[in-house]
């Protein structure tokens, strides 16, 4: 093998190894990313994966957050009450904490059903 071919092969191998580490670091929860810098206030060590949100209503904004801990954020701009698992909520922001493992949550607003499902990982670092 010529010297240039060996160098090219070495560069490709190093690039692949760096790419793998960067990919894994990007997919870590915020509490596992130690950059040595203060990067805001997100400290969760868990990810929320395989999320499926079935929401037929535009005025009910449903999102998943794992900033401080895994939770569902529901922003109700419908000016109507809604229920989640039998609990009634008013307009504005509401939060539902998630536990480790699979979850399936159902709710209803104005006789329209919505559901949220997914999986919360175990802590991915110490």
Foldseek 3Di string as FASTA:
>chain_A
DDPVVVVVVVVVVVVVVVVVVVVVLVPFFPLVNPPVDDDDQFRAQKDWPPKDKFDPDPQWDWDWDPRPHTKIKIAHPPQFWKDKPRDIDGHGIDIDGDDAAWDKIWMDTPNDIMIMITGMHDRPHD
